[in-house]
């Protein structure tokens, strides 16, 4: 007994068939549409088992289960479209912090050094109190974005 049973309406079924026949959508979207059509347990639907769908479409059963679940819980559009990222990444350096980094980069290199390194810049930004922690990779990305170089 399936926990998430896909039952499509005639309009949904026609829409998915049109989407597949046009073939102008992303491959992921087309595969999801095919999964939904094969899994459709409503009268007039195919009502295939997950194993049969998996073999026919050459996808894993876990993917089929995810598409079923998403269709039942969130609807047709959600099961076809990519999900927005749930995580929000907090930027270490905002515009002001980036400006301070560029200013430090343009300043004289530390005593005993000929030039700044990414690690030295990260440590200097922390020492000056602009940020609590900063990786050299963040420094590299900001400088690349600004078309700056350490030279």
C-alpha atoms as a PDB file:
ATOM      1  CA  UNK A   1       0.000   0.000   0.000  1.00  0.00           C
ATOM      2  CA  UNK A   2       1.488   3.311  -1.130  1.00  0.00           C
ATOM      3  CA  UNK A   3       1.578   6.150   1.356  1.00  0.00           C
ATOM      4  CA  UNK A   4       1.604   8.800  -1.393  1.00  0.00           C
ATOM      5  CA  UNK A   5      -0.833   7.939  -4.192  1.00  0.00           C
ATOM      6  CA  UNK A   6      -0.708  10.096  -7.316  1.00  0.00           C
ATOM      7  CA  UNK A   7      -4.149  10.846  -8.761  1.00  0.00           C
ATOM      8  CA  UNK A   8      -4.114  13.276 -11.669  1.00  0.00           C
ATOM      9  CA  UNK A   9      -7.104  15.098 -13.076  1.00  0.00           C
ATOM     10  CA  UNK A  10      -7.761  15.012 -16.836  1.00  0.00           C
ATOM     11  CA  UNK A  11      -6.437  18.582 -17.145  1.00  0.00           C
ATOM     12  CA  UNK A  12      -3.227  17.744 -15.264  1.00  0.00           C
ATOM     13  CA  UNK A  13      -2.740  14.602 -17.345  1.00  0.00           C
ATOM     14  CA  UNK A  14      -3.261  16.552 -20.594  1.00  0.00           C
ATOM     15  CA  UNK A  15      -0.870  19.259 -19.428  1.00  0.00           C
ATOM     16  CA  UNK A  16       1.855  16.742 -18.595  1.00  0.00           C
ATOM     17  CA  UNK A  17       1.418  14.955 -21.934  1.00  0.00           C
ATOM     18  CA  UNK A  18       1.666  18.302 -23.731  1.00  0.00           C
ATOM     19  CA  UNK A  19       4.805  19.160 -21.787  1.00  0.00           C
ATOM     20  CA  UNK A  20       6.430  15.857 -22.727  1.00  0.00           C
ATOM     21  CA  UNK A  21       5.380  15.974 -26.386  1.00  0.00           C
ATOM     22  CA  UNK A  22       6.771  19.501 -26.783  1.00  0.00           C
ATOM     23  CA  UNK A  23      10.085  18.379 -25.281  1.00  0.00           C
ATOM     24  CA  UNK A  24      11.150  21.974 -24.666  1.00  0.00           C
ATOM     25  CA  UNK A  25      11.507  21.791 -20.881  1.00  0.00           C
ATOM     26  CA  UNK A  26      14.467  20.859 -18.698  1.00  0.00           C
ATOM     27  CA  UNK A  27      15.316  17.143 -18.641  1.00  0.00           C
ATOM     28  CA  UNK A  28      14.570  16.967 -14.908  1.00  0.00           C
ATOM     29  CA  UNK A  29      11.117  18.436 -15.427  1.00  0.00           C
ATOM     30  CA  UNK A  30      10.357  16.003 -18.261  1.00  0.00           C
ATOM     31  CA  UNK A  31      11.432  13.006 -16.160  1.00  0.00           C
ATOM     32  CA  UNK A  32       9.239  14.152 -13.276  1.00  0.00           C
ATOM     33  CA  UNK A  33       6.312  14.575 -15.670  1.00  0.00           C
ATOM     34  CA  UNK A  34       6.848  11.036 -16.998  1.00  0.00           C
ATOM     35  CA  UNK A  35       7.036   9.672 -13.443  1.00  0.00           C
ATOM     36  CA  UNK A  36       3.747  11.348 -12.523  1.00  0.00           C
ATOM     37  CA  UNK A  37       2.010  10.032 -15.631  1.00  0.00           C
ATOM     38  CA  UNK A  38       3.222   6.470 -15.042  1.00  0.00           C
ATOM     39  CA  UNK A  39       2.357   6.615 -11.321  1.00  0.00           C
ATOM     40  CA  UNK A  40      -1.134   8.048 -11.887  1.00  0.00           C
ATOM     41  CA  UNK A  41      -3.577   5.775 -10.033  1.00  0.00           C
ATOM     42  CA  UNK A  42      -6.723   7.657 -11.077  1.00  0.00           C
ATOM     43  CA  UNK A  43      -9.146   6.107 -13.569  1.00  0.00           C
ATOM     44  CA  UNK A  44      -7.575   6.555 -16.993  1.00  0.00           C
ATOM     45  CA  UNK A  45      -4.063   6.675 -15.550  1.00  0.00           C
ATOM     46  CA  UNK A  46      -1.293   4.116 -16.001  1.00  0.00           C
ATOM     47  CA  UNK A  47      -0.953   3.181 -12.317  1.00  0.00           C
ATOM     48  CA  UNK A  48       2.471   1.549 -12.677  1.00  0.00           C
ATOM     49  CA  UNK A  49       4.452   0.223  -9.721  1.00  0.00           C
ATOM     50  CA  UNK A  50       7.620   2.077  -8.707  1.00  0.00           C
ATOM     51  CA  UNK A  51       9.883  -0.763  -9.847  1.00  0.00           C
ATOM     52  CA  UNK A  52       8.323  -0.751 -13.332  1.00  0.00           C
ATOM     53  CA  UNK A  53       8.637   3.030 -13.581  1.00  0.00           C
ATOM     54  CA  UNK A  54      12.236   2.801 -12.410  1.00  0.00           C
ATOM     55  CA  UNK A  55      13.122   0.289 -15.122  1.00  0.00           C
ATOM     56  CA  UNK A  56      11.234   2.100 -17.872  1.00  0.00           C
ATOM     57  CA  UNK A  57      12.631   5.579 -17.131  1.00  0.00           C
ATOM     58  CA  UNK A  58      16.025   4.432 -15.801  1.00  0.00           C
ATOM     59  CA  UNK A  59      15.718   6.352 -12.525  1.00  0.00           C
ATOM     60  CA  UNK A  60      15.969   5.210  -8.917  1.00  0.00           C
ATOM     61  CA  UNK A  61      12.947   4.240  -6.858  1.00  0.00           C
ATOM     62  CA  UNK A  62      13.926   6.843  -4.258  1.00  0.00           C
ATOM     63  CA  UNK A  63      13.458   9.557  -6.880  1.00  0.00           C
ATOM     64  CA  UNK A  64      10.037   8.189  -7.758  1.00  0.00           C
ATOM     65  CA  UNK A  65       9.046   8.194  -4.084  1.00  0.00           C
ATOM     66  CA  UNK A  66      10.244  11.801  -3.700  1.00  0.00           C
ATOM     67  CA  UNK A  67       8.248  12.941  -6.735  1.00  0.00           C
ATOM     68  CA  UNK A  68       5.130  11.155  -5.452  1.00  0.00           C
ATOM     69  CA  UNK A  69       5.506  12.703  -2.010  1.00  0.00           C
ATOM     70  CA  UNK A  70       6.108  16.185  -3.384  1.00  0.00           C
ATOM     71  CA  UNK A  71       3.080  15.907  -5.680  1.00  0.00           C
ATOM     72  CA  UNK A  72       0.767  14.814  -2.838  1.00  0.00           C
ATOM     73  CA  UNK A  73       2.049  17.328  -0.284  1.00  0.00           C
ATOM     74  CA  UNK A  74       2.817  20.379  -2.434  1.00  0.00           C
ATOM     75  CA  UNK A  75       0.988  19.972  -5.747  1.00  0.00           C
ATOM     76  CA  UNK A  76       1.788  19.506  -9.420  1.00  0.00           C
ATOM     77  CA  UNK A  77       3.904  22.617 -10.001  1.00  0.00           C
ATOM     78  CA  UNK A  78       6.090  21.951  -6.961  1.00  0.00           C
ATOM     79  CA  UNK A  79       6.763  18.396  -8.117  1.00  0.00           C
ATOM     80  CA  UNK A  80       7.906  19.629 -11.529  1.00  0.00           C
ATOM     81  CA  UNK A  81       9.918  22.729 -10.591  1.00  0.00           C
ATOM     82  CA  UNK A  82      13.204  22.953  -8.717  1.00  0.00           C
ATOM     83  CA  UNK A  83      12.914  23.744  -5.033  1.00  0.00           C
ATOM     84  CA  UNK A  84      14.371  27.017  -3.841  1.00  0.00           C
ATOM     85  CA  UNK A  85      17.319  26.627  -1.470  1.00  0.00           C
ATOM     86  CA  UNK A  86      16.145  26.482   2.128  1.00  0.00           C
ATOM     87  CA  UNK A  87      19.378  27.712   3.630  1.00  0.00           C
ATOM     88  CA  UNK A  88      20.284  31.348   3.774  1.00  0.00           C
ATOM     89  CA  UNK A  89      24.004  32.044   3.766  1.00  0.00           C
ATOM     90  CA  UNK A  90      25.107  35.018   5.764  1.00  0.00           C
ATOM     91  CA  UNK A  91      27.824  37.016   4.059  1.00  0.00           C
ATOM     92  CA  UNK A  92      30.968  37.553   6.087  1.00  0.00           C
ATOM     93  CA  UNK A  93      31.782  40.786   4.305  1.00  0.00           C
ATOM     94  CA  UNK A  94      29.202  43.341   3.259  1.00  0.00           C
ATOM     95  CA  UNK A  95      30.007  46.310   1.040  1.00  0.00           C
ATOM     96  CA  UNK A  96      31.708  48.201   3.875  1.00  0.00           C
ATOM     97  CA  UNK A  97      33.771  45.147   4.821  1.00  0.00           C
ATOM     98  CA  UNK A  98      34.793  44.651   1.194  1.00  0.00           C
ATOM     99  CA  UNK A  99      35.902  48.284   1.033  1.00  0.00           C
ATOM    100  CA  UNK A 100      38.019  47.806   4.168  1.00  0.00           C
ATOM    101  CA  UNK A 101      39.554  44.672   2.655  1.00  0.00           C
ATOM    102  CA  UNK A 102      40.507  46.524  -0.522  1.00  0.00           C
ATOM    103  CA  UNK A 103      41.974  49.355   1.570  1.00  0.00           C
ATOM    104  CA  UNK A 104      44.065  46.887   3.573  1.00  0.00           C
ATOM    105  CA  UNK A 105      45.154  45.171   0.356  1.00  0.00           C
ATOM    106  CA  UNK A 106      46.343  48.494  -1.077  1.00  0.00           C
ATOM    107  CA  UNK A 107      48.259  49.388   2.087  1.00  0.00           C
ATOM    108  CA  UNK A 108      51.890  48.529   2.779  1.00  0.00           C
ATOM    109  CA  UNK A 109      52.614  44.861   3.367  1.00  0.00           C
ATOM    110  CA  UNK A 110      53.430  43.835   6.947  1.00  0.00           C
ATOM    111  CA  UNK A 111      56.975  44.119   8.295  1.00  0.00           C
ATOM    112  CA  UNK A 112      59.234  41.453   6.856  1.00  0.00           C
ATOM    113  CA  UNK A 113      56.900  40.751   3.938  1.00  0.00           C
ATOM    114  CA  UNK A 114      57.155  41.910   0.380  1.00  0.00           C
ATOM    115  CA  UNK A 115      53.417  41.604  -0.316  1.00  0.00           C
ATOM    116  CA  UNK A 116      50.117  40.577   1.241  1.00  0.00           C
ATOM    117  CA  UNK A 117      48.979  36.966   1.107  1.00  0.00           C
ATOM    118  CA  UNK A 118      45.360  35.904   1.299  1.00  0.00           C
ATOM    119  CA  UNK A 119      45.923  34.436   4.757  1.00  0.00           C
ATOM    120  CA  UNK A 120      47.660  37.586   6.006  1.00  0.00           C
ATOM    121  CA  UNK A 121      44.780  39.715   4.711  1.00  0.00           C
ATOM    122  CA  UNK A 122      42.239  37.501   6.477  1.00  0.00           C
ATOM    123  CA  UNK A 123      44.201  37.703   9.741  1.00  0.00           C
ATOM    124  CA  UNK A 124      44.597  41.480   9.410  1.00  0.00           C
ATOM    125  CA  UNK A 125      40.848  41.975   8.895  1.00  0.00           C
ATOM    126  CA  UNK A 126      40.217  40.032  12.118  1.00  0.00           C
ATOM    127  CA  UNK A 127      42.971  41.903  13.985  1.00  0.00           C
ATOM    128  CA  UNK A 128      41.519  45.264  12.940  1.00  0.00           C
ATOM    129  CA  UNK A 129      38.114  44.164  14.224  1.00  0.00           C
ATOM    130  CA  UNK A 130      36.203  44.357  10.935  1.00  0.00           C
ATOM    131  CA  UNK A 131      35.039  40.720  11.261  1.00  0.00           C
ATOM    132  CA  UNK A 132      35.201  38.012  13.921  1.00  0.00           C
ATOM    133  CA  UNK A 133      36.539  35.382  11.514  1.00  0.00           C
ATOM    134  CA  UNK A 134      37.437  35.343   7.841  1.00  0.00           C
ATOM    135  CA  UNK A 135      38.797  32.628   5.604  1.00  0.00           C
ATOM    136  CA  UNK A 136      41.382  33.159   2.899  1.00  0.00           C
ATOM    137  CA  UNK A 137      38.852  31.773   0.410  1.00  0.00           C
ATOM    138  CA  UNK A 138      36.435  34.609   1.234  1.00  0.00           C
ATOM    139  CA  UNK A 139      39.279  37.092   0.738  1.00  0.00           C
ATOM    140  CA  UNK A 140      40.116  35.457  -2.610  1.00  0.00           C
ATOM    141  CA  UNK A 141      36.506  35.637  -3.811  1.00  0.00           C
ATOM    142  CA  UNK A 142      36.110  39.308  -2.848  1.00  0.00           C
ATOM    143  CA  UNK A 143      39.358  40.298  -4.531  1.00  0.00           C
ATOM    144  CA  UNK A 144      38.451  38.328  -7.649  1.00  0.00           C
ATOM    145  CA  UNK A 145      35.049  40.009  -7.756  1.00  0.00           C
ATOM    146  CA  UNK A 146      36.734  43.392  -7.495  1.00  0.00           C
ATOM    147  CA  UNK A 147      39.298  42.419 -10.173  1.00  0.00           C
ATOM    148  CA  UNK A 148      42.028  43.128  -7.647  1.00  0.00           C
ATOM    149  CA  UNK A 149      45.282  41.264  -7.342  1.00  0.00           C
ATOM    150  CA  UNK A 150      47.931  40.905  -4.705  1.00  0.00           C
ATOM    151  CA  UNK A 151      50.835  42.324  -6.577  1.00  0.00           C
END
